[in-house]
Amino acid sequence: MRKWSAKDKARIVLELVSGQRNVAEATRVHGVAESVLYRWQREFLENAHAAFASGCSEQEVCVTLGQGR
């Protein structure tokens, strides 16, 4: 089983939410199960507010949208 970094997960989820890829394409291209992609997407969206929190600590997930790789 592959371990995905938080940065890779965010990049893949951004492909989904931006419409760059649909779930079927992402599963095929990245080799990730559909259920895993939906879980990542749900977790990403539930925690998106953290990107705008001031003073994010190293333990918090801070995502810069639109930055890509």
Foldseek 3Di string as FASTA:
>chain_A
DDDDDPLRLVLLLLCPVVVVDHLVVSCVVVVDDSVVNVVSNVVCVVQVVVLVDPPDDPPHDHDDPPPHD
